[in-house]
Amino acid sequence: MVDVDWLLLVEDDPDHRVLLEEVLRRHWPDLGFHDRPDVAAATRWLRERKADAGLDRGVLVVDVGLGGSSGFHLLEWMDDVDVEVPAVVLTASRNAMDAEHAFHLGAAGYFEKPADVGDYVDLLRQVLEPEPRNDADEGGSRGG
């Protein structure tokens, strides 16, 4: 079951936006899909969404390389203004420091592209459909 109502994709490549939207709509047809091409448009959308409907039950998917800006700047802005939305970072970079930086900024996931669409779906499923916690599994057996 999907644990979110909407997803904002921040991606400057129109072909990649279309591909990702098709994948998302195929696997999560009831998910509200929104896309923006850059950090400025994404921050405007997030501000408006926060003011109008709130940011509960959403997720952000952001590309690192946004032609003139960086997805990292968006994550930094979100931290500065207390926008708490799980974020999955996309990148063409194979630099391990980028992954480390993304997680340092609070990313819930990190995905190197291009990659198999199935891998992308699996990563998003972890964010969109988290498995319920079983407290009995944490800390071993209880009782006598």
C-alpha atoms as a PDB file:
ATOM      1  CA  MET A   1       0.000   0.000   0.000  1.00  0.00           C
ATOM      2  CA  VAL A   2       1.324   3.427  -0.937  1.00  0.00           C
ATOM      3  CA  ASP A   3       2.178   5.519   2.095  1.00  0.00           C
ATOM      4  CA  VAL A   4       2.190   8.852   0.204  1.00  0.00           C
ATOM      5  CA  ASP A   5      -0.322  10.906  -1.780  1.00  0.00           C
ATOM      6  CA  TRP A   6       1.987  12.912  -4.030  1.00  0.00           C
ATOM      7  CA  LEU A   7       5.438  12.907  -5.589  1.00  0.00           C
ATOM      8  CA  LEU A   8       7.414  15.878  -6.884  1.00  0.00           C
ATOM      9  CA  LEU A   9      10.025  15.038  -9.518  1.00  0.00           C
ATOM     10  CA  VAL A  10      12.720  17.675 -10.046  1.00  0.00           C
ATOM     11  CA  GLU A  11      14.466  16.775 -13.298  1.00  0.00           C
ATOM     12  CA  ASP A  12      15.710  19.075 -16.061  1.00  0.00           C
ATOM     13  CA  ASP A  13      15.809  16.437 -18.811  1.00  0.00           C
ATOM     14  CA  PRO A  14      12.317  16.313 -20.392  1.00  0.00           C
ATOM     15  CA  ASP A  15      12.837  12.790 -21.774  1.00  0.00           C
ATOM     16  CA  HIS A  16      13.817  11.487 -18.374  1.00  0.00           C
ATOM     17  CA  ARG A  17      10.824  13.246 -16.774  1.00  0.00           C
ATOM     18  CA  VAL A  18       8.471  11.503 -19.229  1.00  0.00           C
ATOM     19  CA  LEU A  19      10.088   8.115 -18.631  1.00  0.00           C
ATOM     20  CA  LEU A  20       9.920   8.447 -14.860  1.00  0.00           C
ATOM     21  CA  GLU A  21       6.332   9.641 -14.971  1.00  0.00           C
ATOM     22  CA  GLU A  22       5.335   6.617 -17.093  1.00  0.00           C
ATOM     23  CA  VAL A  23       7.026   4.248 -14.640  1.00  0.00           C
ATOM     24  CA  LEU A  24       5.422   5.937 -11.643  1.00  0.00           C
ATOM     25  CA  ARG A  25       1.931   6.010 -13.157  1.00  0.00           C
ATOM     26  CA  ARG A  26       2.170   2.349 -14.174  1.00  0.00           C
ATOM     27  CA  HIS A  27       3.128   1.197 -10.683  1.00  0.00           C
ATOM     28  CA  TRP A  28       1.299   3.809  -8.574  1.00  0.00           C
ATOM     29  CA  PRO A  29      -1.659   5.085 -10.640  1.00  0.00           C
ATOM     30  CA  ASP A  30      -3.307   6.898  -7.718  1.00  0.00           C
ATOM     31  CA  LEU A  31      -0.182   8.852  -6.775  1.00  0.00           C
ATOM     32  CA  GLY A  32      -0.396  12.578  -7.502  1.00  0.00           C
ATOM     33  CA  PHE A  33       2.529  13.253  -9.830  1.00  0.00           C
ATOM     34  CA  HIS A  34       4.087  16.716 -10.187  1.00  0.00           C
ATOM     35  CA  ASP A  35       7.274  17.701 -11.971  1.00  0.00           C
ATOM     36  CA  ARG A  36       9.454  20.775 -12.091  1.00  0.00           C
ATOM     37  CA  PRO A  37      12.580  21.380 -14.196  1.00  0.00           C
ATOM     38  CA  ASP A  38      14.775  23.181 -11.651  1.00  0.00           C
ATOM     39  CA  VAL A  39      15.374  24.142  -8.041  1.00  0.00           C
ATOM     40  CA  ALA A  40      13.637  27.538  -8.303  1.00  0.00           C
ATOM     41  CA  ALA A  41      10.434  26.000  -9.669  1.00  0.00           C
ATOM     42  CA  ALA A  42      10.576  23.210  -7.084  1.00  0.00           C
ATOM     43  CA  THR A  43      10.986  25.613  -4.152  1.00  0.00           C
ATOM     44  CA  ARG A  44       8.032  27.669  -5.416  1.00  0.00           C
ATOM     45  CA  TRP A  45       5.901  24.523  -5.697  1.00  0.00           C
ATOM     46  CA  LEU A  46       6.905  23.295  -2.237  1.00  0.00           C
ATOM     47  CA  ARG A  47       6.179  26.710  -0.664  1.00  0.00           C
ATOM     48  CA  GLU A  48       2.751  26.852  -2.316  1.00  0.00           C
ATOM     49  CA  ARG A  49       1.948  23.255  -1.389  1.00  0.00           C
ATOM     50  CA  LYS A  50       3.018  23.846   2.212  1.00  0.00           C
ATOM     51  CA  ALA A  51       0.797  26.952   2.447  1.00  0.00           C
ATOM     52  CA  ASP A  52      -2.242  25.398   0.715  1.00  0.00           C
ATOM     53  CA  ALA A  53      -2.421  21.726   1.610  1.00  0.00           C
ATOM     54  CA  GLY A  54       0.642  20.957   3.687  1.00  0.00           C
ATOM     55  CA  LEU A  55       3.485  18.632   2.847  1.00  0.00           C
ATOM     56  CA  ASP A  56       2.270  15.536   4.647  1.00  0.00           C
ATOM     57  CA  ARG A  57       2.303  12.262   2.752  1.00  0.00           C
ATOM     58  CA  GLY A  58       4.619  13.365  -0.032  1.00  0.00           C
ATOM     59  CA  VAL A  59       7.994  12.420  -1.455  1.00  0.00           C
ATOM     60  CA  LEU A  60      10.570  14.278  -3.539  1.00  0.00           C
ATOM     61  CA  VAL A  61      12.687  12.761  -6.311  1.00  0.00           C
ATOM     62  CA  VAL A  62      15.456  15.150  -7.332  1.00  0.00           C
ATOM     63  CA  ASP A  63      18.258  14.993  -9.873  1.00  0.00           C
ATOM     64  CA  VAL A  64      21.652  16.196  -8.670  1.00  0.00           C
ATOM     65  CA  GLY A  65      22.677  17.803 -11.975  1.00  0.00           C
ATOM     66  CA  LEU A  66      20.076  20.399 -12.832  1.00  0.00           C
ATOM     67  CA  GLY A  67      21.938  22.550 -15.368  1.00  0.00           C
ATOM     68  CA  GLY A  68      23.025  25.617 -13.449  1.00  0.00           C
ATOM     69  CA  SER A  69      21.971  24.377 -10.049  1.00  0.00           C
ATOM     70  CA  SER A  70      22.096  21.218  -8.002  1.00  0.00           C
ATOM     71  CA  GLY A  71      19.599  18.949  -6.339  1.00  0.00           C
ATOM     72  CA  PHE A  72      21.819  19.291  -3.290  1.00  0.00           C
ATOM     73  CA  HIS A  73      20.865  22.986  -3.156  1.00  0.00           C
ATOM     74  CA  LEU A  74      17.213  21.959  -2.955  1.00  0.00           C
ATOM     75  CA  LEU A  75      17.931  19.563  -0.071  1.00  0.00           C
ATOM     76  CA  GLU A  76      19.880  22.313   1.726  1.00  0.00           C
ATOM     77  CA  TRP A  77      17.002  24.767   1.219  1.00  0.00           C
ATOM     78  CA  MET A  78      14.537  22.189   2.562  1.00  0.00           C
ATOM     79  CA  ASP A  79      16.668  21.781   5.686  1.00  0.00           C
ATOM     80  CA  ASP A  80      16.993  25.568   6.133  1.00  0.00           C
ATOM     81  CA  VAL A  81      13.225  26.186   5.988  1.00  0.00           C
ATOM     82  CA  ASP A  82      12.137  22.999   7.797  1.00  0.00           C
ATOM     83  CA  VAL A  83      10.509  21.282   4.835  1.00  0.00           C
ATOM     84  CA  GLU A  84      10.334  17.667   5.932  1.00  0.00           C
ATOM     85  CA  VAL A  85       9.681  15.529   2.873  1.00  0.00           C
ATOM     86  CA  PRO A  86      11.495  12.248   2.182  1.00  0.00           C
ATOM     87  CA  ALA A  87      13.825  12.726  -0.781  1.00  0.00           C
ATOM     88  CA  VAL A  88      15.300  10.297  -3.276  1.00  0.00           C
ATOM     89  CA  VAL A  89      18.336  11.658  -5.126  1.00  0.00           C
ATOM     90  CA  LEU A  90      19.022  10.765  -8.763  1.00  0.00           C
ATOM     91  CA  THR A  91      22.390  11.263 -10.406  1.00  0.00           C
ATOM     92  CA  ALA A  92      24.490  10.253 -13.374  1.00  0.00           C
ATOM     93  CA  SER A  93      27.562  10.588 -11.149  1.00  0.00           C
ATOM     94  CA  ARG A  94      29.432   7.529  -9.944  1.00  0.00           C
ATOM     95  CA  ASN A  95      31.202   9.578  -7.273  1.00  0.00           C
ATOM     96  CA  ALA A  96      30.800   7.961  -3.843  1.00  0.00           C
ATOM     97  CA  MET A  97      31.143  11.399  -2.238  1.00  0.00           C
ATOM     98  CA  ASP A  98      27.878  12.442  -3.926  1.00  0.00           C
ATOM     99  CA  ALA A  99      26.030   9.572  -2.271  1.00  0.00           C
ATOM    100  CA  GLU A 100      27.603  10.400   1.072  1.00  0.00           C
ATOM    101  CA  HIS A 101      26.639  14.070   0.658  1.00  0.00           C
ATOM    102  CA  ALA A 102      23.049  13.161  -0.283  1.00  0.00           C
ATOM    103  CA  PHE A 103      22.614  11.022   2.828  1.00  0.00           C
ATOM    104  CA  HIS A 104      24.288  13.697   4.970  1.00  0.00           C
ATOM    105  CA  LEU A 105      21.603  16.108   3.706  1.00  0.00           C
ATOM    106  CA  GLY A 106      18.892  13.677   4.751  1.00  0.00           C
ATOM    107  CA  ALA A 107      18.112  11.791   1.539  1.00  0.00           C
ATOM    108  CA  ALA A 108      15.989   8.683   2.028  1.00  0.00           C
ATOM    109  CA  GLY A 109      17.500   7.065  -1.057  1.00  0.00           C
ATOM    110  CA  TYR A 110      20.141   7.497  -3.742  1.00  0.00           C
ATOM    111  CA  PHE A 111      19.903   6.203  -7.293  1.00  0.00           C
ATOM    112  CA  GLU A 112      22.546   6.246 -10.025  1.00  0.00           C
ATOM    113  CA  LYS A 113      21.137   6.613 -13.528  1.00  0.00           C
ATOM    114  CA  PRO A 114      20.957   5.284 -16.128  1.00  0.00           C
ATOM    115  CA  ALA A 115      19.986   2.005 -14.584  1.00  0.00           C
ATOM    116  CA  ASP A 116      17.452  -0.725 -14.918  1.00  0.00           C
ATOM    117  CA  VAL A 117      13.889   0.553 -14.522  1.00  0.00           C
ATOM    118  CA  GLY A 118      13.189  -2.369 -12.186  1.00  0.00           C
ATOM    119  CA  ASP A 119      15.913  -1.148  -9.815  1.00  0.00           C
ATOM    120  CA  TYR A 120      14.342   2.316  -9.849  1.00  0.00           C
ATOM    121  CA  VAL A 121      10.917   0.832  -9.036  1.00  0.00           C
ATOM    122  CA  ASP A 122      12.420  -1.215  -6.187  1.00  0.00           C
ATOM    123  CA  LEU A 123      14.060   1.874  -4.671  1.00  0.00           C
ATOM    124  CA  LEU A 124      10.873   3.926  -4.911  1.00  0.00           C
ATOM    125  CA  ARG A 125       8.849   1.060  -3.456  1.00  0.00           C
ATOM    126  CA  GLN A 126      11.057   1.235  -0.339  1.00  0.00           C
ATOM    127  CA  VAL A 127      10.145   4.913   0.083  1.00  0.00           C
ATOM    128  CA  LEU A 128       6.524   4.802  -1.111  1.00  0.00           C
ATOM    129  CA  GLU A 129       5.549   1.496   0.489  1.00  0.00           C
ATOM    130  CA  PRO A 130       7.564   1.073   3.670  1.00  0.00           C
ATOM    131  CA  GLU A 131       7.150  -2.279   5.347  1.00  0.00           C
ATOM    132  CA  PRO A 132       5.373  -2.131   8.692  1.00  0.00           C
ATOM    133  CA  ARG A 133       7.690  -2.335  11.664  1.00  0.00           C
ATOM    134  CA  ASN A 134       7.427  -5.386  13.809  1.00  0.00           C
ATOM    135  CA  ASP A 135       8.635  -4.320  17.239  1.00  0.00           C
ATOM    136  CA  ALA A 136       8.940  -7.967  18.264  1.00  0.00           C
ATOM    137  CA  ASP A 137      11.712  -8.324  15.665  1.00  0.00           C
ATOM    138  CA  GLU A 138      13.656  -5.492  17.257  1.00  0.00           C
ATOM    139  CA  GLY A 139      15.666  -6.426  20.299  1.00  0.00           C
ATOM    140  CA  GLY A 140      15.209 -10.185  20.125  1.00  0.00           C
ATOM    141  CA  SER A 141      12.716 -12.286  22.022  1.00  0.00           C
ATOM    142  CA  ARG A 142      10.745 -10.911  24.912  1.00  0.00           C
ATOM    143  CA  GLY A 143       9.419 -12.567  27.918  1.00  0.00           C
ATOM    144  CA  GLY A 144      10.519 -15.412  30.022  1.00  0.00           C
END
